[in-house]
């Protein structure tokens, strides 16, 4: 499992081209929690870190690479799940 640093959380959300609200709903936390994770003020617990890693794996996101500009291309061409 990859340690989900603030940069990797930001990168995952950018790859998925989601707002903090959309990303939080997908992960099961508030937009405020996502913002705090990305700022480094708080850190995901083990369960949420596992969820974030699973999400990155499912969507084919390489957390070591920057997303394309404006999030125009999704990894593996997969569509995002709707809430």
N, C-alpha and C. Protein backbone atom coordinates (compact mmCIF):
# COMPACT_ATOMS: atom_id res chain seq x y z
N UNK A 1 0.85 -1.18 0.00
CA UNK A 1 0.00 0.00 0.00
C UNK A 1 0.90 1.24 0.00
N UNK A 2 0.51 2.20 -0.83
CA UNK A 2 1.24 3.46 -0.95
C UNK A 2 0.82 4.41 0.16
N UNK A 3 1.79 5.06 0.79
CA UNK A 3 1.47 6.08 1.79
C UNK A 3 0.82 7.26 1.06
N UNK A 4 -0.37 7.64 1.47
CA UNK A 4 -1.11 8.71 0.81
C UNK A 4 -0.73 10.06 1.42
N UNK A 5 0.27 10.67 0.81
CA UNK A 5 0.71 12.00 1.22
C UNK A 5 -0.28 13.05 0.70
N UNK A 6 -0.22 14.27 1.21
CA UNK A 6 -1.10 15.31 0.68
C UNK A 6 -0.98 15.45 -0.84
N UNK A 7 0.25 15.39 -1.35
CA UNK A 7 0.46 15.51 -2.80
C UNK A 7 -0.20 14.37 -3.57
N UNK A 8 -0.11 13.16 -3.05
CA UNK A 8 -0.71 12.02 -3.75
C UNK A 8 -2.23 12.09 -3.71
N UNK A 9 -2.78 12.59 -2.63
CA UNK A 9 -4.24 12.75 -2.54
C UNK A 9 -4.69 13.81 -3.55
N UNK A 10 -3.97 14.94 -3.61
CA UNK A 10 -4.29 15.98 -4.60
C UNK A 10 -4.18 15.44 -6.02
N UNK A 11 -3.13 14.66 -6.25
CA UNK A 11 -2.88 14.10 -7.58
C UNK A 11 -4.00 13.13 -7.97
N UNK A 12 -4.43 12.28 -7.04
CA UNK A 12 -5.51 11.33 -7.32
C UNK A 12 -6.79 12.09 -7.67
N UNK A 13 -7.12 13.10 -6.89
CA UNK A 13 -8.33 13.88 -7.16
C UNK A 13 -8.23 14.60 -8.50
N UNK A 14 -7.04 15.10 -8.82
CA UNK A 14 -6.84 15.78 -10.10
C UNK A 14 -6.98 14.80 -11.26
N UNK A 15 -6.41 13.59 -11.11
CA UNK A 15 -6.55 12.58 -12.15
C UNK A 15 -8.02 12.27 -12.41
N UNK A 16 -8.81 12.23 -11.34
CA UNK A 16 -10.23 11.91 -11.48
C UNK A 16 -11.06 13.12 -11.88
N UNK A 17 -10.42 14.29 -11.92
CA UNK A 17 -11.07 15.53 -12.33
C UNK A 17 -12.33 15.78 -11.50
N UNK A 18 -12.16 15.75 -10.17
CA UNK A 18 -13.28 15.91 -9.24
C UNK A 18 -13.06 17.09 -8.31
N UNK A 19 -14.14 17.68 -7.88
CA UNK A 19 -14.09 18.69 -6.83
C UNK A 19 -13.85 17.99 -5.50
N UNK A 20 -13.54 18.76 -4.47
CA UNK A 20 -13.38 18.15 -3.14
C UNK A 20 -14.70 17.53 -2.68
N UNK A 21 -15.82 18.14 -3.05
CA UNK A 21 -17.14 17.60 -2.68
C UNK A 21 -17.38 16.27 -3.36
N UNK A 22 -17.12 16.20 -4.67
CA UNK A 22 -17.33 14.95 -5.41
C UNK A 22 -16.39 13.85 -4.91
N UNK A 23 -15.13 14.21 -4.71
CA UNK A 23 -14.15 13.24 -4.27
C UNK A 23 -14.47 12.75 -2.86
N UNK A 24 -14.86 13.67 -1.99
CA UNK A 24 -15.24 13.29 -0.63
C UNK A 24 -16.41 12.33 -0.61
N UNK A 25 -17.41 12.59 -1.46
CA UNK A 25 -18.58 11.70 -1.53
C UNK A 25 -18.16 10.31 -2.01
N UNK A 26 -17.24 10.25 -2.95
CA UNK A 26 -16.76 8.97 -3.46
C UNK A 26 -16.01 8.18 -2.38
N UNK A 27 -15.24 8.90 -1.58
CA UNK A 27 -14.41 8.27 -0.55
C UNK A 27 -15.18 8.08 0.76
N UNK A 28 -16.25 8.84 0.94
CA UNK A 28 -17.06 8.71 2.15
C UNK A 28 -16.69 9.66 3.26
N UNK A 29 -16.13 10.81 2.89
CA UNK A 29 -15.79 11.84 3.87
C UNK A 29 -16.27 13.19 3.34
N UNK A 30 -16.18 14.22 4.16
CA UNK A 30 -16.63 15.55 3.74
C UNK A 30 -15.58 16.23 2.86
N UNK A 31 -16.03 17.25 2.14
CA UNK A 31 -15.12 18.06 1.33
C UNK A 31 -14.08 18.72 2.23
N UNK A 32 -14.49 19.12 3.43
CA UNK A 32 -13.58 19.74 4.39
C UNK A 32 -12.46 18.78 4.78
N UNK A 33 -12.80 17.51 4.95
CA UNK A 33 -11.79 16.51 5.29
C UNK A 33 -10.79 16.34 4.15
N UNK A 34 -11.29 16.32 2.92
CA UNK A 34 -10.40 16.22 1.75
C UNK A 34 -9.45 17.42 1.74
N UNK A 35 -9.99 18.60 1.96
CA UNK A 35 -9.15 19.81 1.98
C UNK A 35 -8.07 19.73 3.05
N UNK A 36 -8.43 19.21 4.21
CA UNK A 36 -7.45 19.09 5.30
C UNK A 36 -6.39 18.05 4.98
N UNK A 37 -6.79 16.94 4.34
CA UNK A 37 -5.81 15.93 3.93
C UNK A 37 -4.83 16.55 2.93
N UNK A 38 -5.38 17.27 1.95
CA UNK A 38 -4.54 17.86 0.90
C UNK A 38 -3.62 18.95 1.45
N UNK A 39 -4.04 19.63 2.50
CA UNK A 39 -3.22 20.67 3.12
C UNK A 39 -2.19 20.08 4.09
N UNK A 40 -2.37 18.81 4.44
CA UNK A 40 -1.47 18.17 5.40
C UNK A 40 -1.83 18.44 6.84
N UNK A 41 -3.01 19.04 7.06
CA UNK A 41 -3.46 19.33 8.43
C UNK A 41 -3.95 18.07 9.15
N UNK A 42 -4.46 17.12 8.36
CA UNK A 42 -4.94 15.84 8.88
C UNK A 42 -4.50 14.77 7.92
N UNK A 43 -4.60 13.52 8.36
CA UNK A 43 -4.19 12.40 7.53
C UNK A 43 -5.28 11.33 7.54
N UNK A 44 -5.46 10.65 6.42
CA UNK A 44 -6.46 9.59 6.39
C UNK A 44 -6.07 8.45 7.34
N UNK A 45 -7.07 7.85 7.98
CA UNK A 45 -6.80 6.68 8.81
C UNK A 45 -6.49 5.49 7.90
N UNK A 46 -6.14 4.37 8.48
CA UNK A 46 -5.73 3.20 7.70
C UNK A 46 -6.81 2.78 6.71
N UNK A 47 -8.05 2.73 7.17
CA UNK A 47 -9.15 2.28 6.30
C UNK A 47 -9.32 3.22 5.10
N UNK A 48 -9.29 4.53 5.34
CA UNK A 48 -9.44 5.49 4.24
C UNK A 48 -8.21 5.46 3.32
N UNK A 49 -7.03 5.25 3.90
CA UNK A 49 -5.83 5.16 3.08
C UNK A 49 -5.93 3.95 2.15
N UNK A 50 -6.45 2.86 2.66
CA UNK A 50 -6.65 1.66 1.84
C UNK A 50 -7.68 1.95 0.75
N UNK A 51 -8.77 2.65 1.11
CA UNK A 51 -9.79 3.02 0.12
C UNK A 51 -9.19 3.88 -1.00
N UNK A 52 -8.34 4.83 -0.64
CA UNK A 52 -7.71 5.70 -1.63
C UNK A 52 -6.78 4.90 -2.55
N UNK A 53 -6.02 3.98 -1.97
CA UNK A 53 -5.15 3.12 -2.77
C UNK A 53 -5.96 2.23 -3.71
N UNK A 54 -7.04 1.66 -3.19
CA UNK A 54 -7.90 0.82 -4.03
C UNK A 54 -8.50 1.63 -5.17
N UNK A 55 -8.92 2.84 -4.88
CA UNK A 55 -9.50 3.72 -5.90
C UNK A 55 -8.47 4.02 -6.98
N UNK A 56 -7.25 4.35 -6.59
CA UNK A 56 -6.19 4.62 -7.56
C UNK A 56 -5.94 3.39 -8.43
N UNK A 57 -5.90 2.21 -7.81
CA UNK A 57 -5.67 0.97 -8.56
C UNK A 57 -6.82 0.69 -9.52
N UNK A 58 -8.05 0.83 -9.04
CA UNK A 58 -9.23 0.56 -9.87
C UNK A 58 -9.29 1.47 -11.08
N UNK A 59 -8.89 2.73 -10.89
CA UNK A 59 -8.98 3.71 -11.98
C UNK A 59 -7.69 3.79 -12.80
N UNK A 60 -6.69 2.99 -12.45
CA UNK A 60 -5.45 2.97 -13.21
C UNK A 60 -4.62 4.23 -13.07
N UNK A 61 -4.69 4.85 -11.91
CA UNK A 61 -3.96 6.11 -11.68
C UNK A 61 -2.56 5.81 -11.15
N UNK A 62 -1.56 6.38 -11.80
CA UNK A 62 -0.18 6.30 -11.33
C UNK A 62 0.06 7.54 -10.48
N UNK A 63 0.14 7.36 -9.18
CA UNK A 63 0.25 8.48 -8.25
C UNK A 63 1.60 9.18 -8.31
N UNK A 64 2.54 8.62 -9.07
CA UNK A 64 3.83 9.27 -9.23
C UNK A 64 3.88 10.17 -10.46
N UNK A 65 2.79 10.19 -11.23
CA UNK A 65 2.74 11.01 -12.44
C UNK A 65 1.69 12.09 -12.28
N UNK A 66 1.98 13.25 -12.84
CA UNK A 66 1.00 14.34 -12.83
C UNK A 66 -0.12 14.03 -13.81
N UNK A 67 -1.33 14.48 -13.49
CA UNK A 67 -2.45 14.28 -14.40
C UNK A 67 -2.31 15.16 -15.64
N UNK A 68 -3.03 14.84 -16.70
CA UNK A 68 -3.00 15.70 -17.88
C UNK A 68 -3.60 17.06 -17.55
N UNK A 69 -3.27 18.09 -18.31
CA UNK A 69 -3.84 19.42 -18.06
C UNK A 69 -5.37 19.40 -18.08
N UNK A 70 -5.97 20.08 -17.12
CA UNK A 70 -7.43 20.22 -17.03
C UNK A 70 -8.16 18.90 -16.85
N UNK A 71 -7.46 17.82 -16.51
CA UNK A 71 -8.12 16.55 -16.26
C UNK A 71 -8.91 16.04 -17.45
N UNK A 72 -8.47 16.36 -18.68
CA UNK A 72 -9.25 16.03 -19.87
C UNK A 72 -9.23 14.56 -20.21
N UNK A 73 -8.30 13.81 -19.68
CA UNK A 73 -8.21 12.39 -20.03
C UNK A 73 -8.24 11.56 -18.77
N UNK A 74 -9.10 10.57 -18.73
CA UNK A 74 -9.19 9.69 -17.57
C UNK A 74 -8.32 8.47 -17.80
N UNK A 75 -7.69 7.94 -16.76
CA UNK A 75 -6.88 6.72 -16.91
C UNK A 75 -7.74 5.59 -17.42
N UNK A 76 -7.24 4.82 -18.33
CA UNK A 76 -7.93 3.64 -18.89
C UNK A 76 -9.26 3.97 -19.52
N UNK A 77 -9.57 5.24 -19.73
CA UNK A 77 -10.81 5.61 -20.37
C UNK A 77 -12.05 5.25 -19.58
N UNK A 78 -11.90 4.94 -18.30
CA UNK A 78 -13.06 4.54 -17.50
C UNK A 78 -13.89 5.75 -17.09
N UNK A 79 -15.17 5.58 -17.12
CA UNK A 79 -16.07 6.65 -16.68
C UNK A 79 -16.16 6.64 -15.16
N UNK A 80 -16.36 7.81 -14.60
CA UNK A 80 -16.50 7.92 -13.16
C UNK A 80 -17.87 7.43 -12.73
N UNK A 81 -17.91 6.80 -11.59
CA UNK A 81 -19.19 6.37 -11.03
C UNK A 81 -19.99 7.58 -10.61
N UNK A 82 -21.28 7.51 -10.76
CA UNK A 82 -22.13 8.61 -10.32
C UNK A 82 -22.70 8.29 -8.96
N UNK A 83 -22.90 9.32 -8.18
CA UNK A 83 -23.40 9.12 -6.82
C UNK A 83 -24.90 8.99 -6.81
